[in-house]
Amino acid sequence: MMNKRTRRLSKIPDDVRAEISPWFIENQAIEESSEEIEKVDSNNASYVNSDLKAKKSDLDMNDHVNFVTYVKWMLEKNK
């Protein structure tokens, strides 16, 4: 769901979840966790490549690097 006011994704309220649950499978692929993910920087990363430069073809219409490009960069590290 998306919050119309903030235009950000939000959790589905319990009453809405209860109303739509008969149409969905109860099994979840990923267990929810309140654990925070540690922010990665050059001090705690196992590998850093600062030579990566985004090309014009790597950018989306908002000039953000496309997520597929990040995956390609990760796969290049293993070559």
PDB file of N, CA and C in Angstrom:
ATOM      1  N   MET A   1       0.843  -1.187   0.000  1.00  0.00           N
ATOM      2  CA  MET A   1       0.000   0.000   0.000  1.00  0.00           C
ATOM      3  C   MET A   1       0.875   1.232   0.000  1.00  0.00           C
ATOM      4  N   MET A   2       0.322   2.317  -0.497  1.00  0.00           N
ATOM      5  CA  MET A   2       1.057   3.569  -0.489  1.00  0.00           C
ATOM      6  C   MET A   2       0.223   4.617   0.248  1.00  0.00           C
ATOM      7  N   ASN A   3       0.901   5.362   1.109  1.00  0.00           N
ATOM      8  CA  ASN A   3       0.266   6.454   1.831  1.00  0.00           C
ATOM      9  C   ASN A   3       0.067   7.594   0.835  1.00  0.00           C
ATOM     10  N   LYS A   4      -1.174   8.003   0.614  1.00  0.00           N
ATOM     11  CA  LYS A   4      -1.454   9.044  -0.384  1.00  0.00           C
ATOM     12  C   LYS A   4      -0.891  10.402   0.026  1.00  0.00           C
ATOM     13  N   ARG A   5      -0.803  10.644   1.323  1.00  0.00           N
ATOM     14  CA  ARG A   5      -0.303  11.933   1.790  1.00  0.00           C
ATOM     15  C   ARG A   5       1.209  12.036   1.632  1.00  0.00           C
ATOM     16  N   THR A   6       1.936  11.005   2.087  1.00  0.00           N
ATOM     17  CA  THR A   6       3.404  11.054   2.039  1.00  0.00           C
ATOM     18  C   THR A   6       3.968  10.456   0.759  1.00  0.00           C
ATOM     19  N   ARG A   7       3.132   9.709   0.006  1.00  0.00           N
ATOM     20  CA  ARG A   7       3.540   9.034  -1.233  1.00  0.00           C
ATOM     21  C   ARG A   7       4.665   8.037  -0.984  1.00  0.00           C
ATOM     22  N   ARG A   8       4.629   7.398   0.178  1.00  0.00           N
ATOM     23  CA  ARG A   8       5.597   6.362   0.540  1.00  0.00           C
ATOM     24  C   ARG A   8       4.850   5.065   0.818  1.00  0.00           C
ATOM     25  N   LEU A   9       5.580   3.961   0.658  1.00  0.00           N
ATOM     26  CA  LEU A   9       4.983   2.665   0.974  1.00  0.00           C
ATOM     27  C   LEU A   9       4.711   2.582   2.468  1.00  0.00           C
ATOM     28  N   SER A  10       3.639   1.908   2.826  1.00  0.00           N
ATOM     29  CA  SER A  10       3.313   1.749   4.239  1.00  0.00           C
ATOM     30  C   SER A  10       2.763   0.339   4.457  1.00  0.00           C
ATOM     31  N   LYS A  11       2.753  -0.067   5.702  1.00  0.00           N
ATOM     32  CA  LYS A  11       2.212  -1.385   6.047  1.00  0.00           C
ATOM     33  C   LYS A  11       0.697  -1.366   5.882  1.00  0.00           C
ATOM     34  N   ILE A  12       0.160  -2.516   5.534  1.00  0.00           N
ATOM     35  CA  ILE A  12      -1.283  -2.641   5.381  1.00  0.00           C
ATOM     36  C   ILE A  12      -1.908  -2.678   6.777  1.00  0.00           C
ATOM     37  N   PRO A  13      -2.887  -1.801   7.048  1.00  0.00           N
ATOM     38  CA  PRO A  13      -3.542  -1.819   8.360  1.00  0.00           C
ATOM     39  C   PRO A  13      -4.204  -3.178   8.619  1.00  0.00           C
ATOM     40  N   ASP A  14      -4.280  -3.572   9.887  1.00  0.00           N
ATOM     41  CA  ASP A  14      -4.816  -4.886  10.260  1.00  0.00           C
ATOM     42  C   ASP A  14      -6.247  -5.101   9.772  1.00  0.00           C
ATOM     43  N   ASP A  15      -7.092  -4.053   9.835  1.00  0.00           N
ATOM     44  CA  ASP A  15      -8.482  -4.225   9.400  1.00  0.00           C
ATOM     45  C   ASP A  15      -8.576  -4.459   7.893  1.00  0.00           C
ATOM     46  N   VAL A  16      -7.728  -3.805   7.133  1.00  0.00           N
ATOM     47  CA  VAL A  16      -7.703  -4.015   5.680  1.00  0.00           C
ATOM     48  C   VAL A  16      -7.133  -5.398   5.372  1.00  0.00           C
ATOM     49  N   ARG A  17      -6.075  -5.778   6.080  1.00  0.00           N
ATOM     50  CA  ARG A  17      -5.470  -7.105   5.884  1.00  0.00           C
ATOM     51  C   ARG A  17      -6.496  -8.208   6.163  1.00  0.00           C
ATOM     52  N   ALA A  18      -7.292  -8.047   7.228  1.00  0.00           N
ATOM     53  CA  ALA A  18      -8.310  -9.045   7.568  1.00  0.00           C
ATOM     54  C   ALA A  18      -9.380  -9.136   6.481  1.00  0.00           C
ATOM     55  N   GLU A  19      -9.715  -8.000   5.889  1.00  0.00           N
ATOM     56  CA  GLU A  19     -10.754  -7.977   4.860  1.00  0.00           C
ATOM     57  C   GLU A  19     -10.301  -8.660   3.558  1.00  0.00           C
ATOM     58  N   ILE A  20      -9.032  -8.487   3.187  1.00  0.00           N
ATOM     59  CA  ILE A  20      -8.562  -9.046   1.915  1.00  0.00           C
ATOM     60  C   ILE A  20      -7.874 -10.405   2.064  1.00  0.00           C
ATOM     61  N   SER A  21      -7.620 -10.839   3.293  1.00  0.00           N
ATOM     62  CA  SER A  21      -6.874 -12.085   3.518  1.00  0.00           C
ATOM     63  C   SER A  21      -7.500 -13.332   2.904  1.00  0.00           C
ATOM     64  N   PRO A  22      -8.842 -13.451   2.773  1.00  0.00           N
ATOM     65  CA  PRO A  22      -9.383 -14.672   2.152  1.00  0.00           C
ATOM     66  C   PRO A  22      -8.914 -14.882   0.709  1.00  0.00           C
ATOM     67  N   TRP A  23      -8.454 -13.842   0.039  1.00  0.00           N
ATOM     68  CA  TRP A  23      -8.031 -13.958  -1.349  1.00  0.00           C
ATOM     69  C   TRP A  23      -6.529 -14.199  -1.496  1.00  0.00           C
ATOM     70  N   PHE A  24      -5.825 -14.299  -0.397  1.00  0.00           N
ATOM     71  CA  PHE A  24      -4.378 -14.472  -0.454  1.00  0.00           C
ATOM     72  C   PHE A  24      -3.936 -15.709   0.315  1.00  0.00           C
ATOM     73  N   ILE A  25      -2.817 -16.278  -0.087  1.00  0.00           N
ATOM     74  CA  ILE A  25      -2.242 -17.429   0.605  1.00  0.00           C
ATOM     75  C   ILE A  25      -1.618 -16.940   1.907  1.00  0.00           C
ATOM     76  N   GLU A  26      -1.757 -17.704   2.956  1.00  0.00           N
ATOM     77  CA  GLU A  26      -1.242 -17.301   4.267  1.00  0.00           C
ATOM     78  C   GLU A  26       0.271 -17.460   4.391  1.00  0.00           C
ATOM     79  N   ASN A  27       0.887 -18.293   3.556  1.00  0.00           N
ATOM     80  CA  ASN A  27       2.330 -18.497   3.650  1.00  0.00           C
ATOM     81  C   ASN A  27       3.079 -17.267   3.158  1.00  0.00           C
ATOM     82  N   GLN A  28       4.155 -16.931   3.853  1.00  0.00           N
ATOM     83  CA  GLN A  28       4.977 -15.799   3.455  1.00  0.00           C
ATOM     84  C   GLN A  28       6.343 -16.303   3.028  1.00  0.00           C
ATOM     85  N   ALA A  29       6.880 -15.730   1.960  1.00  0.00           N
ATOM     86  CA  ALA A  29       8.197 -16.134   1.465  1.00  0.00           C
ATOM     87  C   ALA A  29       9.298 -15.614   2.383  1.00  0.00           C
ATOM     88  N   ILE A  30       9.074 -14.457   2.991  1.00  0.00           N
ATOM     89  CA  ILE A  30      10.088 -13.835   3.844  1.00  0.00           C
ATOM     90  C   ILE A  30       9.461 -13.531   5.200  1.00  0.00           C
ATOM     91  N   GLU A  31      10.144 -13.933   6.259  1.00  0.00           N
ATOM     92  CA  GLU A  31       9.658 -13.630   7.595  1.00  0.00           C
ATOM     93  C   GLU A  31       9.966 -12.169   7.933  1.00  0.00           C
ATOM     94  N   GLU A  32       9.006 -11.503   8.519  1.00  0.00           N
ATOM     95  CA  GLU A  32       9.212 -10.114   8.910  1.00  0.00           C
ATOM     96  C   GLU A  32      10.120 -10.054  10.126  1.00  0.00           C
ATOM     97  N   SER A  33      10.968  -9.042  10.175  1.00  0.00           N
ATOM     98  CA  SER A  33      11.891  -8.887  11.279  1.00  0.00           C
ATOM     99  C   SER A  33      12.022  -7.409  11.620  1.00  0.00           C
ATOM    100  N   SER A  34      12.188  -7.110  12.892  1.00  0.00           N
ATOM    101  CA  SER A  34      12.383  -5.729  13.310  1.00  0.00           C
ATOM    102  C   SER A  34      13.873  -5.397  13.414  1.00  0.00           C
ATOM    103  N   GLU A  35      14.713  -6.373  13.038  1.00  0.00           N
ATOM    104  CA  GLU A  35      16.155  -6.186  13.087  1.00  0.00           C
ATOM    105  C   GLU A  35      16.598  -5.150  12.055  1.00  0.00           C
ATOM    106  N   GLU A  36      17.433  -4.222  12.480  1.00  0.00           N
ATOM    107  CA  GLU A  36      17.931  -3.221  11.543  1.00  0.00           C
ATOM    108  C   GLU A  36      19.120  -3.776  10.771  1.00  0.00           C
ATOM    109  N   ILE A  37      19.221  -3.371   9.516  1.00  0.00           N
ATOM    110  CA  ILE A  37      20.340  -3.782   8.678  1.00  0.00           C
ATOM    111  C   ILE A  37      21.457  -2.767   8.865  1.00  0.00           C
ATOM    112  N   GLU A  38      22.659  -3.279   9.095  1.00  0.00           N
ATOM    113  CA  GLU A  38      23.810  -2.404   9.321  1.00  0.00           C
ATOM    114  C   GLU A  38      24.155  -1.646   8.047  1.00  0.00           C
ATOM    115  N   LYS A  39      24.384  -0.347   8.184  1.00  0.00           N
ATOM    116  CA  LYS A  39      24.755   0.475   7.039  1.00  0.00           C
ATOM    117  C   LYS A  39      26.175   0.097   6.603  1.00  0.00           C
ATOM    118  N   VAL A  40      26.354  -0.094   5.302  1.00  0.00           N
ATOM    119  CA  VAL A  40      27.658  -0.481   4.771  1.00  0.00           C
ATOM    120  C   VAL A  40      28.399   0.757   4.316  1.00  0.00           C
ATOM    121  N   ASP A  41      29.632   0.878   4.761  1.00  0.00           N
ATOM    122  CA  ASP A  41      30.505   1.931   4.262  1.00  0.00           C
ATOM    123  C   ASP A  41      31.895   1.347   4.062  1.00  0.00           C
ATOM    124  N   SER A  42      32.852   2.157   3.675  1.00  0.00           N
ATOM    125  CA  SER A  42      34.185   1.638   3.360  1.00  0.00           C
ATOM    126  C   SER A  42      34.910   1.076   4.588  1.00  0.00           C
ATOM    127  N   ASN A  43      34.451   1.389   5.797  1.00  0.00           N
ATOM    128  CA  ASN A  43      35.101   0.881   7.006  1.00  0.00           C
ATOM    129  C   ASN A  43      34.678  -0.545   7.354  1.00  0.00           C
ATOM    130  N   ASN A  44      33.425  -0.916   7.039  1.00  0.00           N
ATOM    131  CA  ASN A  44      32.964  -2.245   7.430  1.00  0.00           C
ATOM    132  C   ASN A  44      32.608  -3.143   6.240  1.00  0.00           C
ATOM    133  N   ALA A  45      32.853  -2.689   5.012  1.00  0.00           N
ATOM    134  CA  ALA A  45      32.559  -3.506   3.830  1.00  0.00           C
ATOM    135  C   ALA A  45      33.704  -4.478   3.580  1.00  0.00           C
ATOM    136  N   SER A  46      33.334  -5.672   3.085  1.00  0.00           N
ATOM    137  CA  SER A  46      34.376  -6.663   2.790  1.00  0.00           C
ATOM    138  C   SER A  46      35.064  -6.352   1.461  1.00  0.00           C
ATOM    139  N   TYR A  47      34.446  -5.531   0.616  1.00  0.00           N
ATOM    140  CA  TYR A  47      35.024  -5.197  -0.676  1.00  0.00           C
ATOM    141  C   TYR A  47      34.521  -3.815  -1.087  1.00  0.00           C
ATOM    142  N   VAL A  48      35.421  -2.943  -1.533  1.00  0.00           N
ATOM    143  CA  VAL A  48      35.039  -1.606  -1.982  1.00  0.00           C
ATOM    144  C   VAL A  48      35.715  -1.345  -3.312  1.00  0.00           C
ATOM    145  N   ASN A  49      34.932  -0.899  -4.292  1.00  0.00           N
ATOM    146  CA  ASN A  49      35.480  -0.510  -5.583  1.00  0.00           C
ATOM    147  C   ASN A  49      35.050   0.922  -5.846  1.00  0.00           C
ATOM    148  N   SER A  50      35.929   1.848  -5.603  1.00  0.00           N
ATOM    149  CA  SER A  50      35.584   3.258  -5.773  1.00  0.00           C
ATOM    150  C   SER A  50      35.775   3.720  -7.213  1.00  0.00           C
ATOM    151  N   ASP A  51      36.215   2.818  -8.105  1.00  0.00           N
ATOM    152  CA  ASP A  51      36.405   3.172  -9.509  1.00  0.00           C
ATOM    153  C   ASP A  51      35.113   3.083 -10.315  1.00  0.00           C
ATOM    154  N   LEU A  52      34.029   2.645  -9.708  1.00  0.00           N
ATOM    155  CA  LEU A  52      32.773   2.519 -10.444  1.00  0.00           C
ATOM    156  C   LEU A  52      32.212   3.899 -10.757  1.00  0.00           C
ATOM    157  N   LYS A  53      31.909   4.105 -12.015  1.00  0.00           N
ATOM    158  CA  LYS A  53      31.326   5.373 -12.454  1.00  0.00           C
ATOM    159  C   LYS A  53      30.075   5.053 -13.259  1.00  0.00           C
ATOM    160  N   ALA A  54      28.987   5.694 -12.929  1.00  0.00           N
ATOM    161  CA  ALA A  54      27.742   5.470 -13.661  1.00  0.00           C
ATOM    162  C   ALA A  54      27.813   6.155 -15.020  1.00  0.00           C
ATOM    163  N   LYS A  55      27.429   5.402 -16.055  1.00  0.00           N
ATOM    164  CA  LYS A  55      27.339   5.963 -17.399  1.00  0.00           C
ATOM    165  C   LYS A  55      25.925   6.495 -17.600  1.00  0.00           C
ATOM    166  N   LYS A  56      25.733   7.288 -18.622  1.00  0.00           N
ATOM    167  CA  LYS A  56      24.404   7.837 -18.901  1.00  0.00           C
ATOM    168  C   LYS A  56      23.381   6.716 -19.087  1.00  0.00           C
ATOM    169  N   SER A  57      23.808   5.606 -19.675  1.00  0.00           N
ATOM    170  CA  SER A  57      22.894   4.484 -19.906  1.00  0.00           C
ATOM    171  C   SER A  57      22.521   3.757 -18.607  1.00  0.00           C
ATOM    172  N   ASP A  58      23.233   4.012 -17.514  1.00  0.00           N
ATOM    173  CA  ASP A  58      22.942   3.394 -16.221  1.00  0.00           C
ATOM    174  C   ASP A  58      21.869   4.156 -15.448  1.00  0.00           C
ATOM    175  N   LEU A  59      21.507   5.338 -15.914  1.00  0.00           N
ATOM    176  CA  LEU A  59      20.597   6.211 -15.173  1.00  0.00           C
ATOM    177  C   LEU A  59      19.163   6.081 -15.657  1.00  0.00           C
ATOM    178  N   ASP A  60      18.234   6.268 -14.714  1.00  0.00           N
ATOM    179  CA  ASP A  60      16.822   6.279 -15.091  1.00  0.00           C
ATOM    180  C   ASP A  60      16.399   7.718 -15.394  1.00  0.00           C
ATOM    181  N   MET A  61      15.116   7.932 -15.602  1.00  0.00           N
ATOM    182  CA  MET A  61      14.644   9.268 -15.992  1.00  0.00           C
ATOM    183  C   MET A  61      14.799  10.309 -14.883  1.00  0.00           C
ATOM    184  N   ASN A  62      15.063   9.875 -13.642  1.00  0.00           N
ATOM    185  CA  ASN A  62      15.298  10.798 -12.531  1.00  0.00           C
ATOM    186  C   ASN A  62      16.779  10.968 -12.235  1.00  0.00           C
ATOM    187  N   ASP A  63      17.620  10.464 -13.140  1.00  0.00           N
ATOM    188  CA  ASP A  63      19.080  10.491 -12.979  1.00  0.00           C
ATOM    189  C   ASP A  63      19.546   9.724 -11.756  1.00  0.00           C
ATOM    190  N   HIS A  64      18.843   8.647 -11.428  1.00  0.00           N
ATOM    191  CA  HIS A  64      19.269   7.720 -10.385  1.00  0.00           C
ATOM    192  C   HIS A  64      19.811   6.476 -11.067  1.00  0.00           C
ATOM    193  N   VAL A  65      20.818   5.857 -10.460  1.00  0.00           N
ATOM    194  CA  VAL A  65      21.356   4.623 -11.023  1.00  0.00           C
ATOM    195  C   VAL A  65      20.282   3.545 -10.933  1.00  0.00           C
ATOM    196  N   ASN A  66      20.042   2.879 -12.049  1.00  0.00           N
ATOM    197  CA  ASN A  66      19.043   1.820 -12.117  1.00  0.00           C
ATOM    198  C   ASN A  66      19.497   0.653 -11.250  1.00  0.00           C
ATOM    199  N   PHE A  67      18.567  -0.001 -10.561  1.00  0.00           N
ATOM    200  CA  PHE A  67      18.928  -1.096  -9.647  1.00  0.00           C
ATOM    201  C   PHE A  67      19.575  -2.254 -10.380  1.00  0.00           C
ATOM    202  N   VAL A  68      19.251  -2.446 -11.644  1.00  0.00           N
ATOM    203  CA  VAL A  68      19.873  -3.520 -12.424  1.00  0.00           C
ATOM    204  C   VAL A  68      21.366  -3.254 -12.569  1.00  0.00           C
ATOM    205  N   THR A  69      21.746  -2.001 -12.675  1.00  0.00           N
ATOM    206  CA  THR A  69      23.163  -1.642 -12.779  1.00  0.00           C
ATOM    207  C   THR A  69      23.910  -2.039 -11.515  1.00  0.00           C
ATOM    208  N   TYR A  70      23.288  -1.844 -10.348  1.00  0.00           N
ATOM    209  CA  TYR A  70      23.928  -2.264  -9.098  1.00  0.00           C
ATOM    210  C   TYR A  70      24.186  -3.770  -9.107  1.00  0.00           C
ATOM    211  N   VAL A  71      23.227  -4.539  -9.607  1.00  0.00           N
ATOM    212  CA  VAL A  71      23.395  -5.991  -9.674  1.00  0.00           C
ATOM    213  C   VAL A  71      24.539  -6.333 -10.623  1.00  0.00           C
ATOM    214  N   LYS A  72      24.594  -5.680 -11.770  1.00  0.00           N
ATOM    215  CA  LYS A  72      25.692  -5.907 -12.722  1.00  0.00           C
ATOM    216  C   LYS A  72      27.039  -5.608 -12.072  1.00  0.00           C
ATOM    217  N   TRP A  73      27.116  -4.509 -11.323  1.00  0.00           N
ATOM    218  CA  TRP A  73      28.372  -4.145 -10.655  1.00  0.00           C
ATOM    219  C   TRP A  73      28.765  -5.230  -9.657  1.00  0.00           C
ATOM    220  N   MET A  74      27.792  -5.760  -8.919  1.00  0.00           N
ATOM    221  CA  MET A  74      28.089  -6.814  -7.947  1.00  0.00           C
ATOM    222  C   MET A  74      28.590  -8.077  -8.639  1.00  0.00           C
ATOM    223  N   LEU A  75      27.989  -8.412  -9.777  1.00  0.00           N
ATOM    224  CA  LEU A  75      28.401  -9.596 -10.501  1.00  0.00           C
ATOM    225  C   LEU A  75      29.779  -9.425 -11.137  1.00  0.00           C
ATOM    226  N   GLU A  76      30.129  -8.207 -11.548  1.00  0.00           N
ATOM    227  CA  GLU A  76      31.455  -7.947 -12.125  1.00  0.00           C
ATOM    228  C   GLU A  76      32.555  -8.186 -11.106  1.00  0.00           C
ATOM    229  N   LYS A  77      32.285  -7.956  -9.836  1.00  0.00           N
ATOM    230  CA  LYS A  77      33.269  -8.146  -8.773  1.00  0.00           C
ATOM    231  C   LYS A  77      33.741  -9.584  -8.729  1.00  0.00           C
ATOM    232  N   ASN A  78      32.851 -10.524  -9.070  1.00  0.00           N
ATOM    233  CA  ASN A  78      33.178 -11.944  -8.991  1.00  0.00           C
ATOM    234  C   ASN A  78      33.917 -12.472 -10.210  1.00  0.00           C
ATOM    235  N   LYS A  79      34.147 -11.644 -11.214  1.00  0.00           N
ATOM    236  CA  LYS A  79      34.852 -12.115 -12.412  1.00  0.00           C
ATOM    237  C   LYS A  79      36.341 -12.044 -12.246  1.00  0.00           C
TER     238      LYS A  79
END
